[in-house]
Amino acid sequence: MQEKVLLSVAEASHLFGIGQHRLRKIIGEDYDCKYHLTLGRVIKIKRKPFEEYLNKVQAI
């Protein structure tokens, strides 16, 4: 999982220590699709941009 560019919500939740419901809420507020891709009904989180986002925010 360390080399993956796109992560599922479950993988990102486990890797970053954030609950799946909170991740889905963050993605819902990401209108410019900076941190995620939607492939049909499947949501994939872009790892690098999401890590940069987590480094910038003070509270989630």
PDB file of N, CA and C in Angstrom:
ATOM      1  N   MET A   1       0.822  -1.187   0.000  1.00  0.00           N
ATOM      2  CA  MET A   1       0.000   0.000   0.000  1.00  0.00           C
ATOM      3  C   MET A   1       0.871   1.257   0.000  1.00  0.00           C
ATOM      4  N   GLN A   2       2.119   1.164   0.343  1.00  0.00           N
ATOM      5  CA  GLN A   2       2.995   2.336   0.399  1.00  0.00           C
ATOM      6  C   GLN A   2       3.261   2.946  -0.966  1.00  0.00           C
ATOM      7  N   GLU A   3       3.133   2.177  -2.049  1.00  0.00           N
ATOM      8  CA  GLU A   3       3.445   2.669  -3.384  1.00  0.00           C
ATOM      9  C   GLU A   3       2.210   3.078  -4.176  1.00  0.00           C
ATOM     10  N   LYS A   4       1.018   2.856  -3.644  1.00  0.00           N
ATOM     11  CA  LYS A   4      -0.209   3.148  -4.376  1.00  0.00           C
ATOM     12  C   LYS A   4      -0.431   4.649  -4.504  1.00  0.00           C
ATOM     13  N   VAL A   5      -0.869   5.072  -5.665  1.00  0.00           N
ATOM     14  CA  VAL A   5      -1.155   6.475  -5.931  1.00  0.00           C
ATOM     15  C   VAL A   5      -2.601   6.792  -5.545  1.00  0.00           C
ATOM     16  N   LEU A   6      -3.513   5.887  -5.854  1.00  0.00           N
ATOM     17  CA  LEU A   6      -4.921   6.049  -5.527  1.00  0.00           C
ATOM     18  C   LEU A   6      -5.313   5.060  -4.439  1.00  0.00           C
ATOM     19  N   LEU A   7      -6.017   5.545  -3.435  1.00  0.00           N
ATOM     20  CA  LEU A   7      -6.427   4.703  -2.321  1.00  0.00           C
ATOM     21  C   LEU A   7      -7.943   4.657  -2.234  1.00  0.00           C
ATOM     22  N   SER A   8      -8.463   3.511  -1.829  1.00  0.00           N
ATOM     23  CA  SER A   8      -9.893   3.440  -1.552  1.00  0.00           C
ATOM     24  C   SER A   8     -10.161   4.167  -0.238  1.00  0.00           C
ATOM     25  N   VAL A   9     -11.414   4.412   0.057  1.00  0.00           N
ATOM     26  CA  VAL A   9     -11.763   5.098   1.298  1.00  0.00           C
ATOM     27  C   VAL A   9     -11.325   4.263   2.504  1.00  0.00           C
ATOM     28  N   ALA A  10     -11.502   2.958   2.444  1.00  0.00           N
ATOM     29  CA  ALA A  10     -11.098   2.080   3.547  1.00  0.00           C
ATOM     30  C   ALA A  10      -9.579   2.097   3.745  1.00  0.00           C
ATOM     31  N   GLU A  11      -8.830   2.054   2.650  1.00  0.00           N
ATOM     32  CA  GLU A  11      -7.366   2.088   2.736  1.00  0.00           C
ATOM     33  C   GLU A  11      -6.885   3.419   3.299  1.00  0.00           C
ATOM     34  N   ALA A  12      -7.461   4.525   2.822  1.00  0.00           N
ATOM     35  CA  ALA A  12      -7.074   5.850   3.309  1.00  0.00           C
ATOM     36  C   ALA A  12      -7.426   6.003   4.784  1.00  0.00           C
ATOM     37  N   SER A  13      -8.562   5.477   5.184  1.00  0.00           N
ATOM     38  CA  SER A  13      -8.973   5.535   6.585  1.00  0.00           C
ATOM     39  C   SER A  13      -7.955   4.827   7.466  1.00  0.00           C
ATOM     40  N   HIS A  14      -7.541   3.662   7.042  1.00  0.00           N
ATOM     41  CA  HIS A  14      -6.555   2.892   7.802  1.00  0.00           C
ATOM     42  C   HIS A  14      -5.190   3.578   7.807  1.00  0.00           C
ATOM     43  N   LEU A  15      -4.754   4.083   6.667  1.00  0.00           N
ATOM     44  CA  LEU A  15      -3.436   4.688   6.529  1.00  0.00           C
ATOM     45  C   LEU A  15      -3.322   6.003   7.303  1.00  0.00           C
ATOM     46  N   PHE A  16      -4.333   6.865   7.201  1.00  0.00           N
ATOM     47  CA  PHE A  16      -4.267   8.186   7.808  1.00  0.00           C
ATOM     48  C   PHE A  16      -4.880   8.264   9.200  1.00  0.00           C
ATOM     49  N   GLY A  17      -5.574   7.212   9.624  1.00  0.00           N
ATOM     50  CA  GLY A  17      -6.169   7.210  10.954  1.00  0.00           C
ATOM     51  C   GLY A  17      -7.391   8.112  11.072  1.00  0.00           C
ATOM     52  N   ILE A  18      -8.121   8.248   9.988  1.00  0.00           N
ATOM     53  CA  ILE A  18      -9.341   9.058   9.947  1.00  0.00           C
ATOM     54  C   ILE A  18     -10.494   8.120   9.644  1.00  0.00           C
ATOM     55  N   GLY A  19     -11.626   8.327  10.277  1.00  0.00           N
ATOM     56  CA  GLY A  19     -12.791   7.482  10.039  1.00  0.00           C
ATOM     57  C   GLY A  19     -13.316   7.613   8.619  1.00  0.00           C
ATOM     58  N   GLN A  20     -13.944   6.555   8.126  1.00  0.00           N
ATOM     59  CA  GLN A  20     -14.459   6.546   6.761  1.00  0.00           C
ATOM     60  C   GLN A  20     -15.549   7.587   6.569  1.00  0.00           C
ATOM     61  N   HIS A  21     -16.392   7.801   7.565  1.00  0.00           N
ATOM     62  CA  HIS A  21     -17.459   8.794   7.437  1.00  0.00           C
ATOM     63  C   HIS A  21     -16.869  10.199   7.326  1.00  0.00           C
ATOM     64  N   ARG A  22     -15.832  10.483   8.095  1.00  0.00           N
ATOM     65  CA  ARG A  22     -15.193  11.805   8.028  1.00  0.00           C
ATOM     66  C   ARG A  22     -14.499  11.998   6.685  1.00  0.00           C
ATOM     67  N   LEU A  23     -13.849  10.940   6.170  1.00  0.00           N
ATOM     68  CA  LEU A  23     -13.214  11.021   4.849  1.00  0.00           C
ATOM     69  C   LEU A  23     -14.243  11.319   3.768  1.00  0.00           C
ATOM     70  N   ARG A  24     -15.376  10.654   3.829  1.00  0.00           N
ATOM     71  CA  ARG A  24     -16.421  10.893   2.843  1.00  0.00           C
ATOM     72  C   ARG A  24     -16.964  12.320   2.942  1.00  0.00           C
ATOM     73  N   LYS A  25     -17.003  12.878   4.157  1.00  0.00           N
ATOM     74  CA  LYS A  25     -17.451  14.260   4.333  1.00  0.00           C
ATOM     75  C   LYS A  25     -16.428  15.230   3.734  1.00  0.00           C
ATOM     76  N   ILE A  26     -15.141  14.972   3.943  1.00  0.00           N
ATOM     77  CA  ILE A  26     -14.081  15.805   3.354  1.00  0.00           C
ATOM     78  C   ILE A  26     -14.168  15.755   1.834  1.00  0.00           C
ATOM     79  N   ILE A  27     -14.369  14.571   1.290  1.00  0.00           N
ATOM     80  CA  ILE A  27     -14.471  14.400  -0.155  1.00  0.00           C
ATOM     81  C   ILE A  27     -15.710  15.113  -0.684  1.00  0.00           C
ATOM     82  N   GLY A  28     -16.799  15.079   0.066  1.00  0.00           N
ATOM     83  CA  GLY A  28     -18.018  15.763  -0.344  1.00  0.00           C
ATOM     84  C   GLY A  28     -17.840  17.267  -0.448  1.00  0.00           C
ATOM     85  N   GLU A  29     -16.903  17.819   0.323  1.00  0.00           N
ATOM     86  CA  GLU A  29     -16.630  19.250   0.292  1.00  0.00           C
ATOM     87  C   GLU A  29     -15.551  19.616  -0.729  1.00  0.00           C
ATOM     88  N   ASP A  30     -14.957  18.622  -1.371  1.00  0.00           N
ATOM     89  CA  ASP A  30     -13.890  18.824  -2.355  1.00  0.00           C
ATOM     90  C   ASP A  30     -14.498  18.990  -3.745  1.00  0.00           C
ATOM     91  N   TYR A  31     -15.074  20.175  -4.011  1.00  0.00           N
ATOM     92  CA  TYR A  31     -15.798  20.405  -5.254  1.00  0.00           C
ATOM     93  C   TYR A  31     -14.885  20.448  -6.472  1.00  0.00           C
ATOM     94  N   ASP A  32     -13.624  20.815  -6.304  1.00  0.00           N
ATOM     95  CA  ASP A  32     -12.691  20.902  -7.431  1.00  0.00           C
ATOM     96  C   ASP A  32     -11.987  19.579  -7.717  1.00  0.00           C
ATOM     97  N   CYS A  33     -12.310  18.542  -6.975  1.00  0.00           N
ATOM     98  CA  CYS A  33     -11.707  17.201  -7.129  1.00  0.00           C
ATOM     99  C   CYS A  33     -10.188  17.250  -6.993  1.00  0.00           C
ATOM    100  N   LYS A  34      -9.699  18.033  -6.040  1.00  0.00           N
ATOM    101  CA  LYS A  34      -8.261  18.108  -5.788  1.00  0.00           C
ATOM    102  C   LYS A  34      -7.744  16.847  -5.111  1.00  0.00           C
ATOM    103  N   TYR A  35      -8.556  16.229  -4.275  1.00  0.00           N
ATOM    104  CA  TYR A  35      -8.105  15.109  -3.444  1.00  0.00           C
ATOM    105  C   TYR A  35      -8.701  13.766  -3.836  1.00  0.00           C
ATOM    106  N   HIS A  36      -9.632  13.746  -4.772  1.00  0.00           N
ATOM    107  CA  HIS A  36     -10.274  12.472  -5.081  1.00  0.00           C
ATOM    108  C   HIS A  36     -10.666  12.358  -6.553  1.00  0.00           C
ATOM    109  N   LEU A  37     -10.916  11.110  -6.954  1.00  0.00           N
ATOM    110  CA  LEU A  37     -11.454  10.763  -8.264  1.00  0.00           C
ATOM    111  C   LEU A  37     -12.713   9.940  -8.032  1.00  0.00           C
ATOM    112  N   THR A  38     -13.687  10.106  -8.883  1.00  0.00           N
ATOM    113  CA  THR A  38     -14.866   9.260  -8.822  1.00  0.00           C
ATOM    114  C   THR A  38     -14.883   8.427 -10.092  1.00  0.00           C
ATOM    115  N   LEU A  39     -14.786   7.131  -9.925  1.00  0.00           N
ATOM    116  CA  LEU A  39     -14.790   6.200 -11.051  1.00  0.00           C
ATOM    117  C   LEU A  39     -16.109   5.436 -11.003  1.00  0.00           C
ATOM    118  N   GLY A  40     -17.120   5.966 -11.676  1.00  0.00           N
ATOM    119  CA  GLY A  40     -18.452   5.388 -11.565  1.00  0.00           C
ATOM    120  C   GLY A  40     -18.976   5.675 -10.171  1.00  0.00           C
ATOM    121  N   ARG A  41     -19.185   4.629  -9.390  1.00  0.00           N
ATOM    122  CA  ARG A  41     -19.638   4.788  -8.010  1.00  0.00           C
ATOM    123  C   ARG A  41     -18.494   4.640  -7.010  1.00  0.00           C
ATOM    124  N   VAL A  42     -17.313   4.347  -7.496  1.00  0.00           N
ATOM    125  CA  VAL A  42     -16.156   4.108  -6.635  1.00  0.00           C
ATOM    126  C   VAL A  42     -15.381   5.406  -6.434  1.00  0.00           C
ATOM    127  N   ILE A  43     -15.053   5.702  -5.190  1.00  0.00           N
ATOM    128  CA  ILE A  43     -14.273   6.899  -4.856  1.00  0.00           C
ATOM    129  C   ILE A  43     -12.841   6.465  -4.579  1.00  0.00           C
ATOM    130  N   LYS A  44     -11.896   7.126  -5.227  1.00  0.00           N
ATOM    131  CA  LYS A  44     -10.480   6.896  -4.983  1.00  0.00           C
ATOM    132  C   LYS A  44      -9.852   8.202  -4.510  1.00  0.00           C
ATOM    133  N   ILE A  45      -9.036   8.115  -3.482  1.00  0.00           N
ATOM    134  CA  ILE A  45      -8.392   9.296  -2.919  1.00  0.00           C
ATOM    135  C   ILE A  45      -6.988   9.404  -3.486  1.00  0.00           C
ATOM    136  N   LYS A  46      -6.650  10.589  -3.998  1.00  0.00           N
ATOM    137  CA  LYS A  46      -5.309  10.859  -4.524  1.00  0.00           C
ATOM    138  C   LYS A  46      -4.377  11.032  -3.332  1.00  0.00           C
ATOM    139  N   ARG A  47      -3.428  10.140  -3.211  1.00  0.00           N
ATOM    140  CA  ARG A  47      -2.609  10.072  -2.006  1.00  0.00           C
ATOM    141  C   ARG A  47      -1.782  11.331  -1.737  1.00  0.00           C
ATOM    142  N   LYS A  48      -0.961  11.754  -2.687  1.00  0.00           N
ATOM    143  CA  LYS A  48      -0.068  12.904  -2.477  1.00  0.00           C
ATOM    144  C   LYS A  48      -0.827  14.190  -2.176  1.00  0.00           C
ATOM    145  N   PRO A  49      -1.820  14.582  -3.020  1.00  0.00           N
ATOM    146  CA  PRO A  49      -2.553  15.812  -2.700  1.00  0.00           C
ATOM    147  C   PRO A  49      -3.280  15.737  -1.359  1.00  0.00           C
ATOM    148  N   PHE A  50      -3.788  14.551  -0.998  1.00  0.00           N
ATOM    149  CA  PHE A  50      -4.492  14.427   0.278  1.00  0.00           C
ATOM    150  C   PHE A  50      -3.520  14.531   1.451  1.00  0.00           C
ATOM    151  N   GLU A  51      -2.310  13.963   1.304  1.00  0.00           N
ATOM    152  CA  GLU A  51      -1.288  14.110   2.345  1.00  0.00           C
ATOM    153  C   GLU A  51      -0.910  15.574   2.524  1.00  0.00           C
ATOM    154  N   GLU A  52      -0.776  16.307   1.418  1.00  0.00           N
ATOM    155  CA  GLU A  52      -0.459  17.738   1.496  1.00  0.00           C
ATOM    156  C   GLU A  52      -1.594  18.503   2.182  1.00  0.00           C
ATOM    157  N   TYR A  53      -2.825  18.149   1.870  1.00  0.00           N
ATOM    158  CA  TYR A  53      -3.986  18.769   2.519  1.00  0.00           C
ATOM    159  C   TYR A  53      -3.953  18.512   4.019  1.00  0.00           C
ATOM    160  N   LEU A  54      -3.644  17.280   4.436  1.00  0.00           N
ATOM    161  CA  LEU A  54      -3.596  16.958   5.861  1.00  0.00           C
ATOM    162  C   LEU A  54      -2.470  17.714   6.581  1.00  0.00           C
ATOM    163  N   ASN A  55      -1.373  17.955   5.888  1.00  0.00           N
ATOM    164  CA  ASN A  55      -0.277  18.699   6.486  1.00  0.00           C
ATOM    165  C   ASN A  55      -0.620  20.166   6.695  1.00  0.00           C
ATOM    166  N   LYS A  56      -1.531  20.725   5.876  1.00  0.00           N
ATOM    167  CA  LYS A  56      -1.905  22.124   5.956  1.00  0.00           C
ATOM    168  C   LYS A  56      -2.975  22.418   6.987  1.00  0.00           C
ATOM    169  N   VAL A  57      -3.950  21.516   7.144  1.00  0.00           N
ATOM    170  CA  VAL A  57      -5.083  21.798   8.022  1.00  0.00           C
ATOM    171  C   VAL A  57      -4.693  21.667   9.482  1.00  0.00           C
ATOM    172  N   GLN A  58      -5.387  22.410  10.326  1.00  0.00           N
ATOM    173  CA  GLN A  58      -5.106  22.364  11.759  1.00  0.00           C
ATOM    174  C   GLN A  58      -6.062  21.433  12.484  1.00  0.00           C
ATOM    175  N   ALA A  59      -7.271  21.280  11.962  1.00  0.00           N
ATOM    176  CA  ALA A  59      -8.263  20.395  12.570  1.00  0.00           C
ATOM    177  C   ALA A  59      -9.080  19.754  11.467  1.00  0.00           C
ATOM    178  N   ILE A  60      -9.462  18.512  11.722  1.00  0.00           N
ATOM    179  CA  ILE A  60     -10.279  17.785  10.738  1.00  0.00           C
ATOM    180  C   ILE A  60     -11.646  17.552  11.325  1.00  0.00           C
TER     181      ILE A  60
END
